[in-house]
Structures are given as C-alpha cells and as structure tokens.
Amino acid sequence: NQQPAAIIFNTLILLAFFVPFGYLMDRVMYRTYQRKQGAAKTAKA
C-alpha cells in the first residue's frame, strides 16, 4: 500500500525511538548492576 520510500521513512522514525530507548535501558541495567555490586561489597565488608 505504501512506496518503499515511505516504508524507509517509517523505519527511520522507529529507529529514532528505538535507539534512545535502548540507551535508556542500558543505563538502567548498568545502574542496577552498580547498586548490586555496591551492596555485595558492603555485605562482604
């Protein structure tokens, strides 16, 4: 129903949301990991 140029444009819009969301998830995972690492170090201490 759409031309390939329109589909490419829609893909770029999806990527504009996907890349920052991926970075945000990486950041959340890293902060959680840091928190667990700090908790493990204090438990060992």
PDB file of all heavy atoms in Angstrom:
ATOM      1  N   ASN A   1       0.824  -1.212   0.000  1.00  0.00           N
ATOM      2  CA  ASN A   1       0.000   0.000   0.000  1.00  0.00           C
ATOM      3  C   ASN A   1       0.853   1.255   0.000  1.00  0.00           C
ATOM      4  O   ASN A   1       0.382   2.318  -0.381  1.00  0.00           O
ATOM      5  CB  ASN A   1      -0.939   0.024   1.208  1.00  0.00           C
ATOM      6  CG  ASN A   1      -1.980  -1.079   1.127  1.00  0.00           C
ATOM      7  OD1 ASN A   1      -2.255  -1.594   0.044  1.00  0.00           O
ATOM      8  ND2 ASN A   1      -2.539  -1.443   2.257  1.00  0.00           N
ATOM      9  N   GLN A   2       2.097   1.150   0.462  1.00  0.00           N
ATOM     10  CA  GLN A   2       2.985   2.303   0.507  1.00  0.00           C
ATOM     11  C   GLN A   2       4.188   2.051  -0.377  1.00  0.00           C
ATOM     12  O   GLN A   2       4.586   0.908  -0.625  1.00  0.00           O
ATOM     13  CB  GLN A   2       3.456   2.566   1.944  1.00  0.00           C
ATOM     14  CG  GLN A   2       2.390   3.093   2.859  1.00  0.00           C
ATOM     15  CD  GLN A   2       2.965   3.419   4.234  1.00  0.00           C
ATOM     16  OE1 GLN A   2       4.059   3.005   4.570  1.00  0.00           O
ATOM     17  NE2 GLN A   2       2.215   4.163   5.025  1.00  0.00           N
ATOM     18  N   GLN A   3       4.797   3.140  -0.802  1.00  0.00           N
ATOM     19  CA  GLN A   3       6.014   3.041  -1.587  1.00  0.00           C
ATOM     20  C   GLN A   3       7.184   2.724  -0.654  1.00  0.00           C
ATOM     21  O   GLN A   3       7.131   3.024   0.543  1.00  0.00           O
ATOM     22  CB  GLN A   3       6.275   4.343  -2.327  1.00  0.00           C
ATOM     23  CG  GLN A   3       5.207   4.657  -3.361  1.00  0.00           C
ATOM     24  CD  GLN A   3       5.473   5.984  -4.039  1.00  0.00           C
ATOM     25  OE1 GLN A   3       6.367   6.717  -3.649  1.00  0.00           O
ATOM     26  NE2 GLN A   3       4.686   6.277  -5.062  1.00  0.00           N
ATOM     27  N   PRO A   4       8.254   2.124  -1.187  1.00  0.00           N
ATOM     28  CA  PRO A   4       9.417   1.801  -0.348  1.00  0.00           C
ATOM     29  C   PRO A   4      10.021   3.023   0.348  1.00  0.00           C
ATOM     30  O   PRO A   4      10.524   2.908   1.466  1.00  0.00           O
ATOM     31  CB  PRO A   4      10.403   1.191  -1.338  1.00  0.00           C
ATOM     32  CG  PRO A   4       9.559   0.638  -2.431  1.00  0.00           C
ATOM     33  CD  PRO A   4       8.383   1.564  -2.528  1.00  0.00           C
ATOM     34  N   ALA A   5       9.945   4.200  -0.272  1.00  0.00           N
ATOM     35  CA  ALA A   5      10.479   5.408   0.377  1.00  0.00           C
ATOM     36  C   ALA A   5       9.701   5.719   1.658  1.00  0.00           C
ATOM     37  O   ALA A   5      10.284   6.136   2.674  1.00  0.00           O
ATOM     38  CB  ALA A   5      10.426   6.580  -0.584  1.00  0.00           C
ATOM     39  N   ALA A   6       8.400   5.529   1.639  1.00  0.00           N
ATOM     40  CA  ALA A   6       7.584   5.778   2.832  1.00  0.00           C
ATOM     41  C   ALA A   6       7.895   4.756   3.920  1.00  0.00           C
ATOM     42  O   ALA A   6       7.924   5.090   5.109  1.00  0.00           O
ATOM     43  CB  ALA A   6       6.107   5.738   2.468  1.00  0.00           C
ATOM     44  N   ILE A   7       8.140   3.522   3.514  1.00  0.00           N
ATOM     45  CA  ILE A   7       8.470   2.484   4.496  1.00  0.00           C
ATOM     46  C   ILE A   7       9.840   2.784   5.117  1.00  0.00           C
ATOM     47  O   ILE A   7      10.027   2.613   6.327  1.00  0.00           O
ATOM     48  CB  ILE A   7       8.436   1.089   3.839  1.00  0.00           C
ATOM     49  CG1 ILE A   7       7.005   0.781   3.367  1.00  0.00           C
ATOM     50  CG2 ILE A   7       8.896   0.021   4.810  1.00  0.00           C
ATOM     51  CD1 ILE A   7       6.879  -0.496   2.587  1.00  0.00           C
ATOM     52  N   ILE A   8      10.784   3.248   4.304  1.00  0.00           N
ATOM     53  CA  ILE A   8      12.105   3.632   4.838  1.00  0.00           C
ATOM     54  C   ILE A   8      11.955   4.785   5.818  1.00  0.00           C
ATOM     55  O   ILE A   8      12.583   4.807   6.891  1.00  0.00           O
ATOM     56  CB  ILE A   8      13.067   3.987   3.686  1.00  0.00           C
ATOM     57  CG1 ILE A   8      13.423   2.725   2.903  1.00  0.00           C
ATOM     58  CG2 ILE A   8      14.328   4.661   4.213  1.00  0.00           C
ATOM     59  CD1 ILE A   8      14.220   2.969   1.646  1.00  0.00           C
ATOM     60  N   PHE A   9      11.111   5.756   5.489  1.00  0.00           N
ATOM     61  CA  PHE A   9      10.868   6.885   6.385  1.00  0.00           C
ATOM     62  C   PHE A   9      10.272   6.405   7.714  1.00  0.00           C
ATOM     63  O   PHE A   9      10.684   6.851   8.790  1.00  0.00           O
ATOM     64  CB  PHE A   9       9.940   7.906   5.712  1.00  0.00           C
ATOM     65  CG  PHE A   9       9.660   9.103   6.556  1.00  0.00           C
ATOM     66  CD1 PHE A   9      10.635  10.065   6.779  1.00  0.00           C
ATOM     67  CD2 PHE A   9       8.412   9.269   7.142  1.00  0.00           C
ATOM     68  CE1 PHE A   9      10.371  11.174   7.580  1.00  0.00           C
ATOM     69  CE2 PHE A   9       8.135  10.366   7.939  1.00  0.00           C
ATOM     70  CZ  PHE A   9       9.115  11.331   8.152  1.00  0.00           C
ATOM     71  N   ASN A  10       9.314   5.490   7.649  1.00  0.00           N
ATOM     72  CA  ASN A  10       8.713   4.937   8.871  1.00  0.00           C
ATOM     73  C   ASN A  10       9.748   4.164   9.687  1.00  0.00           C
ATOM     74  O   ASN A  10       9.736   4.195  10.927  1.00  0.00           O
ATOM     75  CB  ASN A  10       7.532   4.037   8.536  1.00  0.00           C
ATOM     76  CG  ASN A  10       6.323   4.821   8.075  1.00  0.00           C
ATOM     77  OD1 ASN A  10       6.209   6.010   8.353  1.00  0.00           O
ATOM     78  ND2 ASN A  10       5.428   4.170   7.346  1.00  0.00           N
ATOM     79  N   THR A  11      10.639   3.456   9.001  1.00  0.00           N
ATOM     80  CA  THR A  11      11.703   2.727   9.699  1.00  0.00           C
ATOM     81  C   THR A  11      12.622   3.696  10.423  1.00  0.00           C
ATOM     82  O   THR A  11      13.036   3.448  11.567  1.00  0.00           O
ATOM     83  CB  THR A  11      12.506   1.874   8.696  1.00  0.00           C
ATOM     84  OG1 THR A  11      11.616   0.990   8.017  1.00  0.00           O
ATOM     85  CG2 THR A  11      13.575   1.060   9.407  1.00  0.00           C
ATOM     86  N   LEU A  12      12.958   4.818   9.794  1.00  0.00           N
ATOM     87  CA  LEU A  12      13.807   5.828  10.444  1.00  0.00           C
ATOM     88  C   LEU A  12      13.114   6.430  11.672  1.00  0.00           C
ATOM     89  O   LEU A  12      13.774   6.709  12.689  1.00  0.00           O
ATOM     90  CB  LEU A  12      14.186   6.918   9.450  1.00  0.00           C
ATOM     91  CG  LEU A  12      15.131   6.483   8.328  1.00  0.00           C
ATOM     92  CD1 LEU A  12      15.352   7.613   7.336  1.00  0.00           C
ATOM     93  CD2 LEU A  12      16.458   6.010   8.909  1.00  0.00           C
ATOM     94  N   ILE A  13      11.799   6.613  11.569  1.00  0.00           N
ATOM     95  CA  ILE A  13      11.064   7.120  12.736  1.00  0.00           C
ATOM     96  C   ILE A  13      11.115   6.102  13.877  1.00  0.00           C
ATOM     97  O   ILE A  13      11.331   6.456  15.047  1.00  0.00           O
ATOM     98  CB  ILE A  13       9.603   7.454  12.353  1.00  0.00           C
ATOM     99  CG1 ILE A  13       9.579   8.678  11.450  1.00  0.00           C
ATOM    100  CG2 ILE A  13       8.756   7.697  13.599  1.00  0.00           C
ATOM    101  CD1 ILE A  13       8.219   9.005  10.894  1.00  0.00           C
ATOM    102  N   LEU A  14      10.935   4.823  13.547  1.00  0.00           N
ATOM    103  CA  LEU A  14      11.033   3.784  14.579  1.00  0.00           C
ATOM    104  C   LEU A  14      12.434   3.753  15.199  1.00  0.00           C
ATOM    105  O   LEU A  14      12.579   3.592  16.415  1.00  0.00           O
ATOM    106  CB  LEU A  14      10.694   2.415  13.994  1.00  0.00           C
ATOM    107  CG  LEU A  14       9.214   2.134  13.738  1.00  0.00           C
ATOM    108  CD1 LEU A  14       9.052   0.806  13.022  1.00  0.00           C
ATOM    109  CD2 LEU A  14       8.460   2.119  15.048  1.00  0.00           C
ATOM    110  N   LEU A  15      13.462   3.911  14.371  1.00  0.00           N
ATOM    111  CA  LEU A  15      14.827   3.940  14.895  1.00  0.00           C
ATOM    112  C   LEU A  15      15.056   5.150  15.797  1.00  0.00           C
ATOM    113  O   LEU A  15      15.818   5.071  16.768  1.00  0.00           O
ATOM    114  CB  LEU A  15      15.846   3.944  13.752  1.00  0.00           C
ATOM    115  CG  LEU A  15      16.083   2.613  13.069  1.00  0.00           C
ATOM    116  CD1 LEU A  15      17.027   2.781  11.888  1.00  0.00           C
ATOM    117  CD2 LEU A  15      16.652   1.607  14.049  1.00  0.00           C
ATOM    118  N   ALA A  16      14.410   6.271  15.477  1.00  0.00           N
ATOM    119  CA  ALA A  16      14.547   7.473  16.307  1.00  0.00           C
ATOM    120  C   ALA A  16      14.019   7.225  17.722  1.00  0.00           C
ATOM    121  O   ALA A  16      14.461   7.875  18.678  1.00  0.00           O
ATOM    122  CB  ALA A  16      13.815   8.639  15.654  1.00  0.00           C
ATOM    123  N   PHE A  17      13.072   6.298  17.861  1.00  0.00           N
ATOM    124  CA  PHE A  17      12.583   5.925  19.195  1.00  0.00           C
ATOM    125  C   PHE A  17      13.376   4.757  19.786  1.00  0.00           C
ATOM    126  O   PHE A  17      13.603   4.699  20.994  1.00  0.00           O
ATOM    127  CB  PHE A  17      11.092   5.555  19.141  1.00  0.00           C
ATOM    128  CG  PHE A  17      10.191   6.731  18.964  1.00  0.00           C
ATOM    129  CD1 PHE A  17       9.604   6.985  17.744  1.00  0.00           C
ATOM    130  CD2 PHE A  17       9.942   7.598  20.017  1.00  0.00           C
ATOM    131  CE1 PHE A  17       8.770   8.074  17.568  1.00  0.00           C
ATOM    132  CE2 PHE A  17       9.112   8.694  19.855  1.00  0.00           C
ATOM    133  CZ  PHE A  17       8.530   8.936  18.624  1.00  0.00           C
ATOM    134  N   PHE A  18      13.770   3.838  18.938  1.00  0.00           N
ATOM    135  CA  PHE A  18      14.416   2.607  19.399  1.00  0.00           C
ATOM    136  C   PHE A  18      15.811   2.861  19.981  1.00  0.00           C
ATOM    137  O   PHE A  18      16.155   2.302  21.031  1.00  0.00           O
ATOM    138  CB  PHE A  18      14.516   1.615  18.223  1.00  0.00           C
ATOM    139  CG  PHE A  18      15.076   0.277  18.601  1.00  0.00           C
ATOM    140  CD1 PHE A  18      14.278  -0.668  19.214  1.00  0.00           C
ATOM    141  CD2 PHE A  18      16.404  -0.042  18.344  1.00  0.00           C
ATOM    142  CE1 PHE A  18      14.791  -1.908  19.565  1.00  0.00           C
ATOM    143  CE2 PHE A  18      16.916  -1.269  18.686  1.00  0.00           C
ATOM    144  CZ  PHE A  18      16.113  -2.204  19.295  1.00  0.00           C
ATOM    145  N   VAL A  19      16.620   3.690  19.336  1.00  0.00           N
ATOM    146  CA  VAL A  19      17.999   3.916  19.788  1.00  0.00           C
ATOM    147  C   VAL A  19      18.044   4.600  21.165  1.00  0.00           C
ATOM    148  O   VAL A  19      18.721   4.109  22.071  1.00  0.00           O
ATOM    149  CB  VAL A  19      18.807   4.683  18.718  1.00  0.00           C
ATOM    150  CG1 VAL A  19      20.159   5.101  19.264  1.00  0.00           C
ATOM    151  CG2 VAL A  19      18.981   3.824  17.472  1.00  0.00           C
ATOM    152  N   PRO A  20      17.337   5.724  21.387  1.00  0.00           N
ATOM    153  CA  PRO A  20      17.366   6.315  22.737  1.00  0.00           C
ATOM    154  C   PRO A  20      16.772   5.400  23.808  1.00  0.00           C
ATOM    155  O   PRO A  20      17.252   5.363  24.948  1.00  0.00           O
ATOM    156  CB  PRO A  20      16.541   7.591  22.603  1.00  0.00           C
ATOM    157  CG  PRO A  20      16.559   7.903  21.167  1.00  0.00           C
ATOM    158  CD  PRO A  20      16.632   6.589  20.455  1.00  0.00           C
ATOM    159  N   PHE A  21      15.716   4.650  23.443  1.00  0.00           N
ATOM    160  CA  PHE A  21      15.130   3.723  24.407  1.00  0.00           C
ATOM    161  C   PHE A  21      16.131   2.615  24.759  1.00  0.00           C
ATOM    162  O   PHE A  21      16.231   2.216  25.922  1.00  0.00           O
ATOM    163  CB  PHE A  21      13.840   3.123  23.852  1.00  0.00           C
ATOM    164  CG  PHE A  21      13.133   2.240  24.828  1.00  0.00           C
ATOM    165  CD1 PHE A  21      12.453   2.784  25.900  1.00  0.00           C
ATOM    166  CD2 PHE A  21      13.160   0.863  24.688  1.00  0.00           C
ATOM    167  CE1 PHE A  21      11.802   1.965  26.814  1.00  0.00           C
ATOM    168  CE2 PHE A  21      12.523   0.049  25.596  1.00  0.00           C
ATOM    169  CZ  PHE A  21      11.837   0.598  26.659  1.00  0.00           C
ATOM    170  N   GLY A  22      16.885   2.132  23.776  1.00  0.00           N
ATOM    171  CA  GLY A  22      17.924   1.135  24.041  1.00  0.00           C
ATOM    172  C   GLY A  22      19.004   1.680  24.952  1.00  0.00           C
ATOM    173  O   GLY A  22      19.482   0.994  25.859  1.00  0.00           O
ATOM    174  N   TYR A  23      19.395   2.939  24.718  1.00  0.00           N
ATOM    175  CA  TYR A  23      20.393   3.572  25.588  1.00  0.00           C
ATOM    176  C   TYR A  23      19.849   3.707  27.008  1.00  0.00           C
ATOM    177  O   TYR A  23      20.559   3.445  27.981  1.00  0.00           O
ATOM    178  CB  TYR A  23      20.778   4.948  25.043  1.00  0.00           C
ATOM    179  CG  TYR A  23      21.770   5.664  25.905  1.00  0.00           C
ATOM    180  CD1 TYR A  23      23.124   5.356  25.844  1.00  0.00           C
ATOM    181  CD2 TYR A  23      21.372   6.642  26.803  1.00  0.00           C
ATOM    182  CE1 TYR A  23      24.046   5.999  26.642  1.00  0.00           C
ATOM    183  CE2 TYR A  23      22.279   7.295  27.611  1.00  0.00           C
ATOM    184  CZ  TYR A  23      23.615   6.970  27.528  1.00  0.00           C
ATOM    185  OH  TYR A  23      24.519   7.609  28.324  1.00  0.00           O
ATOM    186  N   LEU A  24      18.593   4.103  27.124  1.00  0.00           N
ATOM    187  CA  LEU A  24      17.960   4.243  28.441  1.00  0.00           C
ATOM    188  C   LEU A  24      17.936   2.906  29.178  1.00  0.00           C
ATOM    189  O   LEU A  24      18.242   2.840  30.376  1.00  0.00           O
ATOM    190  CB  LEU A  24      16.548   4.788  28.286  1.00  0.00           C
ATOM    191  CG  LEU A  24      15.736   4.928  29.569  1.00  0.00           C
ATOM    192  CD1 LEU A  24      16.304   6.047  30.429  1.00  0.00           C
ATOM    193  CD2 LEU A  24      14.289   5.190  29.253  1.00  0.00           C
ATOM    194  N   MET A  25      17.604   1.833  28.472  1.00  0.00           N
ATOM    195  CA  MET A  25      17.578   0.512  29.106  1.00  0.00           C
ATOM    196  C   MET A  25      18.978   0.072  29.525  1.00  0.00           C
ATOM    197  O   MET A  25      19.152  -0.516  30.592  1.00  0.00           O
ATOM    198  CB  MET A  25      16.947  -0.521  28.166  1.00  0.00           C
ATOM    199  CG  MET A  25      15.459  -0.322  27.946  1.00  0.00           C
ATOM    200  SD  MET A  25      14.497  -0.191  29.467  1.00  0.00           S
ATOM    201  CE  MET A  25      14.815  -1.764  30.201  1.00  0.00           C
ATOM    202  N   ASP A  26      19.984   0.348  28.693  1.00  0.00           N
ATOM    203  CA  ASP A  26      21.362   0.043  29.073  1.00  0.00           C
ATOM    204  C   ASP A  26      21.756   0.797  30.332  1.00  0.00           C
ATOM    205  O   ASP A  26      22.427   0.265  31.221  1.00  0.00           O
ATOM    206  CB  ASP A  26      22.326   0.401  27.942  1.00  0.00           C
ATOM    207  CG  ASP A  26      22.247  -0.557  26.779  1.00  0.00           C
ATOM    208  OD1 ASP A  26      21.643  -1.638  26.928  1.00  0.00           O
ATOM    209  OD2 ASP A  26      22.802  -0.225  25.710  1.00  0.00           O
ATOM    210  N   ARG A  27      21.324   2.039  30.400  1.00  0.00           N
ATOM    211  CA  ARG A  27      21.647   2.872  31.560  1.00  0.00           C
ATOM    212  C   ARG A  27      20.990   2.332  32.833  1.00  0.00           C
ATOM    213  O   ARG A  27      21.611   2.259  33.893  1.00  0.00           O
ATOM    214  CB  ARG A  27      21.183   4.287  31.274  1.00  0.00           C
ATOM    215  CG  ARG A  27      21.665   5.309  32.228  1.00  0.00           C
ATOM    216  CD  ARG A  27      21.330   6.671  31.682  1.00  0.00           C
ATOM    217  NE  ARG A  27      21.275   7.624  32.769  1.00  0.00           N
ATOM    218  CZ  ARG A  27      20.873   8.856  32.653  1.00  0.00           C
ATOM    219  NH1 ARG A  27      20.485   9.300  31.485  1.00  0.00           N
ATOM    220  NH2 ARG A  27      20.843   9.649  33.682  1.00  0.00           N
ATOM    221  N   VAL A  28      19.729   1.922  32.720  1.00  0.00           N
ATOM    222  CA  VAL A  28      19.017   1.352  33.871  1.00  0.00           C
ATOM    223  C   VAL A  28      19.702   0.061  34.329  1.00  0.00           C
ATOM    224  O   VAL A  28      19.910  -0.157  35.524  1.00  0.00           O
ATOM    225  CB  VAL A  28      17.531   1.108  33.520  1.00  0.00           C
ATOM    226  CG1 VAL A  28      16.846   0.259  34.570  1.00  0.00           C
ATOM    227  CG2 VAL A  28      16.817   2.433  33.362  1.00  0.00           C
ATOM    228  N   MET A  29      20.052  -0.787  33.372  1.00  0.00           N
ATOM    229  CA  MET A  29      20.716  -2.049  33.711  1.00  0.00           C
ATOM    230  C   MET A  29      22.068  -1.797  34.376  1.00  0.00           C
ATOM    231  O   MET A  29      22.434  -2.479  35.339  1.00  0.00           O
ATOM    232  CB  MET A  29      20.903  -2.909  32.458  1.00  0.00           C
ATOM    233  CG  MET A  29      19.615  -3.429  31.868  1.00  0.00           C
ATOM    234  SD  MET A  29      18.731  -4.521  32.974  1.00  0.00           S
ATOM    235  CE  MET A  29      19.856  -5.881  33.057  1.00  0.00           C
ATOM    236  N   TYR A  30      22.805  -0.822  33.876  1.00  0.00           N
ATOM    237  CA  TYR A  30      24.124  -0.523  34.440  1.00  0.00           C
ATOM    238  C   TYR A  30      23.995   0.032  35.857  1.00  0.00           C
ATOM    239  O   TYR A  30      24.752  -0.349  36.740  1.00  0.00           O
ATOM    240  CB  TYR A  30      24.869   0.472  33.545  1.00  0.00           C
ATOM    241  CG  TYR A  30      26.274   0.737  34.011  1.00  0.00           C
ATOM    242  CD1 TYR A  30      27.245  -0.248  33.926  1.00  0.00           C
ATOM    243  CD2 TYR A  30      26.627   1.968  34.545  1.00  0.00           C
ATOM    244  CE1 TYR A  30      28.534  -0.020  34.351  1.00  0.00           C
ATOM    245  CE2 TYR A  30      27.912   2.206  34.973  1.00  0.00           C
ATOM    246  CZ  TYR A  30      28.867   1.219  34.876  1.00  0.00           C
ATOM    247  OH  TYR A  30      30.146   1.445  35.318  1.00  0.00           O
ATOM    248  N   ARG A  31      23.026   0.897  36.070  1.00  0.00           N
ATOM    249  CA  ARG A  31      22.834   1.443  37.428  1.00  0.00           C
ATOM    250  C   ARG A  31      22.405   0.350  38.409  1.00  0.00           C
ATOM    251  O   ARG A  31      22.841   0.324  39.555  1.00  0.00           O
ATOM    252  CB  ARG A  31      21.806   2.563  37.406  1.00  0.00           C
ATOM    253  CG  ARG A  31      22.358   3.837  36.829  1.00  0.00           C
ATOM    254  CD  ARG A  31      21.362   4.950  36.947  1.00  0.00           C
ATOM    255  NE  ARG A  31      21.944   6.201  36.485  1.00  0.00           N
ATOM    256  CZ  ARG A  31      21.303   7.347  36.477  1.00  0.00           C
ATOM    257  NH1 ARG A  31      20.051   7.405  36.907  1.00  0.00           N
ATOM    258  NH2 ARG A  31      21.883   8.431  36.050  1.00  0.00           N
ATOM    259  N   THR A  32      21.549  -0.547  37.955  1.00  0.00           N
ATOM    260  CA  THR A  32      21.138  -1.666  38.801  1.00  0.00           C
ATOM    261  C   THR A  32      22.333  -2.547  39.134  1.00  0.00           C
ATOM    262  O   THR A  32      22.513  -2.970  40.276  1.00  0.00           O
ATOM    263  CB  THR A  32      20.050  -2.493  38.097  1.00  0.00           C
ATOM    264  OG1 THR A  32      18.977  -1.632  37.754  1.00  0.00           O
ATOM    265  CG2 THR A  32      19.553  -3.616  38.981  1.00  0.00           C
ATOM    266  N   TYR A  33      23.165  -2.802  38.138  1.00  0.00           N
ATOM    267  CA  TYR A  33      24.378  -3.601  38.340  1.00  0.00           C
ATOM    268  C   TYR A  33      25.308  -2.918  39.338  1.00  0.00           C
ATOM    269  O   TYR A  33      25.844  -3.564  40.243  1.00  0.00           O
ATOM    270  CB  TYR A  33      25.077  -3.809  36.999  1.00  0.00           C
ATOM    271  CG  TYR A  33      26.454  -4.406  37.108  1.00  0.00           C
ATOM    272  CD1 TYR A  33      26.629  -5.741  37.433  1.00  0.00           C
ATOM    273  CD2 TYR A  33      27.580  -3.634  36.878  1.00  0.00           C
ATOM    274  CE1 TYR A  33      27.887  -6.291  37.527  1.00  0.00           C
ATOM    275  CE2 TYR A  33      28.846  -4.181  36.977  1.00  0.00           C
ATOM    276  CZ  TYR A  33      28.995  -5.498  37.288  1.00  0.00           C
ATOM    277  OH  TYR A  33      30.241  -6.034  37.393  1.00  0.00           O
ATOM    278  N   GLN A  34      25.489  -1.603  39.198  1.00  0.00           N
ATOM    279  CA  GLN A  34      26.352  -0.863  40.122  1.00  0.00           C
ATOM    280  C   GLN A  34      25.802  -0.928  41.542  1.00  0.00           C
ATOM    281  O   GLN A  34      26.552  -1.077  42.504  1.00  0.00           O
ATOM    282  CB  GLN A  34      26.473   0.604  39.670  1.00  0.00           C
ATOM    283  CG  GLN A  34      27.256   0.799  38.414  1.00  0.00           C
ATOM    284  CD  GLN A  34      28.733   0.503  38.610  1.00  0.00           C
ATOM    285  OE1 GLN A  34      29.249   0.477  39.719  1.00  0.00           O
ATOM    286  NE2 GLN A  34      29.409   0.264  37.508  1.00  0.00           N
ATOM    287  N   ARG A  35      24.485  -0.820  41.674  1.00  0.00           N
ATOM    288  CA  ARG A  35      23.868  -0.880  43.001  1.00  0.00           C
ATOM    289  C   ARG A  35      24.081  -2.252  43.633  1.00  0.00           C
ATOM    290  O   ARG A  35      24.419  -2.369  44.810  1.00  0.00           O
ATOM    291  CB  ARG A  35      22.378  -0.580  42.874  1.00  0.00           C
ATOM    292  CG  ARG A  35      21.781  -0.040  44.140  1.00  0.00           C
ATOM    293  CD  ARG A  35      20.344   0.411  43.985  1.00  0.00           C
ATOM    294  NE  ARG A  35      20.143   1.332  42.876  1.00  0.00           N
ATOM    295  CZ  ARG A  35      19.281   1.117  41.885  1.00  0.00           C
ATOM    296  NH1 ARG A  35      18.540   0.048  41.856  1.00  0.00           N
ATOM    297  NH2 ARG A  35      19.144   1.993  40.907  1.00  0.00           N
ATOM    298  N   LYS A  36      23.900  -3.316  42.828  1.00  0.00           N
ATOM    299  CA  LYS A  36      24.122  -4.671  43.347  1.00  0.00           C
ATOM    300  C   LYS A  36      25.578  -4.886  43.700  1.00  0.00           C
ATOM    301  O   LYS A  36      25.892  -5.531  44.695  1.00  0.00           O
ATOM    302  CB  LYS A  36      23.682  -5.710  42.314  1.00  0.00           C
ATOM    303  CG  LYS A  36      22.205  -5.881  42.212  1.00  0.00           C
ATOM    304  CD  LYS A  36      21.867  -6.968  41.225  1.00  0.00           C
ATOM    305  CE  LYS A  36      20.381  -7.147  41.088  1.00  0.00           C
ATOM    306  NZ  LYS A  36      20.044  -8.200  40.123  1.00  0.00           N
ATOM    307  N   GLN A  37      26.472  -4.351  42.896  1.00  0.00           N
ATOM    308  CA  GLN A  37      27.894  -4.506  43.160  1.00  0.00           C
ATOM    309  C   GLN A  37      28.271  -3.798  44.452  1.00  0.00           C
ATOM    310  O   GLN A  37      29.013  -4.336  45.268  1.00  0.00           O
ATOM    311  CB  GLN A  37      28.703  -3.945  41.991  1.00  0.00           C
ATOM    312  CG  GLN A  37      30.164  -4.244  42.056  1.00  0.00           C
ATOM    313  CD  GLN A  37      30.900  -3.736  40.821  1.00  0.00           C
ATOM    314  OE1 GLN A  37      30.382  -2.933  40.074  1.00  0.00           O
ATOM    315  NE2 GLN A  37      32.095  -4.209  40.637  1.00  0.00           N
ATOM    316  N   GLY A  38      27.714  -2.608  44.653  1.00  0.00           N
ATOM    317  CA  GLY A  38      27.979  -1.882  45.895  1.00  0.00           C
ATOM    318  C   GLY A  38      27.410  -2.594  47.102  1.00  0.00           C
ATOM    319  O   GLY A  38      28.025  -2.653  48.164  1.00  0.00           O
ATOM    320  N   ALA A  39      26.224  -3.177  46.952  1.00  0.00           N
ATOM    321  CA  ALA A  39      25.606  -3.917  48.055  1.00  0.00           C
ATOM    322  C   ALA A  39      26.421  -5.165  48.379  1.00  0.00           C
ATOM    323  O   ALA A  39      26.585  -5.521  49.548  1.00  0.00           O
ATOM    324  CB  ALA A  39      24.179  -4.293  47.704  1.00  0.00           C
ATOM    325  N   ALA A  40      26.951  -5.821  47.350  1.00  0.00           N
ATOM    326  CA  ALA A  40      27.752  -7.019  47.582  1.00  0.00           C
ATOM    327  C   ALA A  40      29.059  -6.664  48.284  1.00  0.00           C
ATOM    328  O   ALA A  40      29.520  -7.390  49.164  1.00  0.00           O
ATOM    329  CB  ALA A  40      28.035  -7.738  46.270  1.00  0.00           C
ATOM    330  N   LYS A  41      29.654  -5.529  47.908  1.00  0.00           N
ATOM    331  CA  LYS A  41      30.900  -5.109  48.552  1.00  0.00           C
ATOM    332  C   LYS A  41      30.668  -4.751  50.014  1.00  0.00           C
ATOM    333  O   LYS A  41      31.459  -5.099  50.878  1.00  0.00           O
ATOM    334  CB  LYS A  41      31.504  -3.920  47.809  1.00  0.00           C
ATOM    335  CG  LYS A  41      32.189  -4.296  46.528  1.00  0.00           C
ATOM    336  CD  LYS A  41      32.831  -3.092  45.883  1.00  0.00           C
ATOM    337  CE  LYS A  41      33.521  -3.475  44.599  1.00  0.00           C
ATOM    338  NZ  LYS A  41      34.138  -2.311  43.943  1.00  0.00           N
ATOM    339  N   THR A  42      29.555  -4.056  50.299  1.00  0.00           N
ATOM    340  CA  THR A  42      29.280  -3.708  51.698  1.00  0.00           C
ATOM    341  C   THR A  42      28.954  -4.951  52.505  1.00  0.00           C
ATOM    342  O   THR A  42      29.292  -5.030  53.674  1.00  0.00           O
ATOM    343  CB  THR A  42      28.126  -2.694  51.791  1.00  0.00           C
ATOM    344  OG1 THR A  42      26.979  -3.235  51.141  1.00  0.00           O
ATOM    345  CG2 THR A  42      28.507  -1.371  51.167  1.00  0.00           C
ATOM    346  N   ALA A  43      28.279  -5.927  51.892  1.00  0.00           N
ATOM    347  CA  ALA A  43      27.985  -7.180  52.606  1.00  0.00           C
ATOM    348  C   ALA A  43      29.272  -7.928  52.920  1.00  0.00           C
ATOM    349  O   ALA A  43      29.422  -8.502  54.002  1.00  0.00           O
ATOM    350  CB  ALA A  43      27.047  -8.053  51.776  1.00  0.00           C
ATOM    351  N   LYS A  44      30.216  -7.926  51.989  1.00  0.00           N
ATOM    352  CA  LYS A  44      31.493  -8.575  52.247  1.00  0.00           C
ATOM    353  C   LYS A  44      32.259  -7.855  53.346  1.00  0.00           C
ATOM    354  O   LYS A  44      32.895  -8.468  54.186  1.00  0.00           O
ATOM    355  CB  LYS A  44      32.348  -8.622  50.972  1.00  0.00           C
ATOM    356  CG  LYS A  44      31.962  -9.712  50.030  1.00  0.00           C
ATOM    357  CD  LYS A  44      32.957  -9.800  48.894  1.00  0.00           C
ATOM    358  CE  LYS A  44      32.624 -10.956  47.975  1.00  0.00           C
ATOM    359  NZ  LYS A  44      33.615 -11.089  46.902  1.00  0.00           N
ATOM    360  N   ALA A  45      32.198  -6.524  53.329  1.00  0.00           N
ATOM    361  CA  ALA A  45      32.890  -5.744  54.357  1.00  0.00           C
ATOM    362  C   ALA A  45      32.283  -6.010  55.735  1.00  0.00           C
ATOM    363  O   ALA A  45      33.003  -6.141  56.724  1.00  0.00           O
ATOM    364  CB  ALA A  45      32.822  -4.260  54.026  1.00  0.00           C
TER     365      ALA A  45
END
